[in-house]
Protein backbone atom coordinates (compact mmCIF):
# COMPACT_ATOMS: atom_id res chain seq x y z
CA MET A 1 155.37 186.62 99.57
CA GLN A 2 158.04 186.89 96.89
CA LYS A 3 160.35 184.58 98.85
CA MET A 4 157.63 181.93 98.96
CA GLN A 5 157.06 182.16 95.20
CA SER A 6 160.77 181.68 94.48
CA SER A 7 160.91 178.59 96.70
CA VAL A 8 157.87 177.12 94.94
CA ARG A 9 159.47 177.86 91.57
CA GLY A 10 162.69 176.19 92.74
CA ALA A 11 160.77 173.10 93.86
CA SER A 12 159.04 172.80 90.50
CA LEU A 13 162.39 173.06 88.70
CA LEU A 14 163.75 170.32 90.92
CA ALA A 15 160.74 168.13 90.15
CA ASP A 16 161.33 168.68 86.41
CA ARG A 17 164.93 167.49 86.79
CA ARG A 18 163.79 164.33 88.55
CA ILE A 19 161.38 163.54 85.75
CA THR A 20 164.05 163.82 83.08
CA MET A 21 166.38 161.56 85.06
CA VAL A 22 163.89 158.66 85.05
CA ALA A 23 164.94 155.90 82.71
CA TYR A 24 162.99 152.83 81.72
CA LYS A 25 164.23 149.49 80.41
CA CYS A 26 162.76 147.33 77.72
CA ILE A 27 161.88 143.81 78.84
CA GLU A 28 162.86 142.34 75.44
CA CYS A 29 166.14 144.01 74.44
CA GLN A 30 167.15 145.38 77.90
CA LYS A 31 168.07 148.78 76.43
CA GLU A 32 167.59 151.96 78.45
CA ILE A 33 164.78 154.23 77.26
CA LYS A 34 164.53 157.90 78.23
CA HIS A 35 161.40 159.18 79.93
CA ASP A 36 160.60 161.54 77.05
CA LEU A 37 160.25 158.65 74.59
CA VAL A 38 157.97 156.65 76.89
CA LYS A 39 155.84 159.72 77.56
CA LYS A 40 154.97 160.00 73.87
CA ARG A 41 154.48 156.33 73.10
CA VAL A 42 154.70 153.27 75.33
CA ARG A 43 156.87 151.19 73.02
CA CYS A 44 160.55 150.48 72.87
CA PRO A 45 162.06 152.56 70.06
CA TYR A 46 164.68 149.84 69.46
CA CYS A 47 162.65 146.60 69.21
CA GLY A 48 158.99 147.72 69.37
CA SER A 49 158.11 145.86 72.58
CA LYS A 50 155.13 147.23 74.50
CA ILE A 51 156.50 146.22 77.91
CA VAL A 52 158.88 148.66 79.62
CA TYR A 53 159.72 148.94 83.31
CA LYS A 54 161.57 151.14 85.77
CA PRO A 55 164.54 149.25 87.19
CA ARG A 56 164.78 149.36 90.97
CA THR A 57 167.85 150.57 92.72
CA THR A 58 169.65 148.02 94.83
CA SER A 59 170.24 148.84 98.46
CA THR A 60 173.16 147.68 100.55
CA VAL A 61 172.76 146.63 104.17
CA VAL A 62 175.59 147.85 106.38
CA ASP A 63 176.13 146.53 109.90
CA ALA A 64 176.66 149.16 112.56
CA VAL A 65 179.90 148.88 114.48
């Protein structure tokens, strides 16, 4: 039982790390905004724009040899 609790605790800590790593971008000034700032107020702290987005990661297609 204790082993299961520690694994659940470890998973929640991992989830917390993922949340803090999320970064948004402002559509107006293109500056990166940390998740903590967007969580409190959905406005860019630099220019005041109300539109922020999460940039997508680009994937690379590799041909198999």
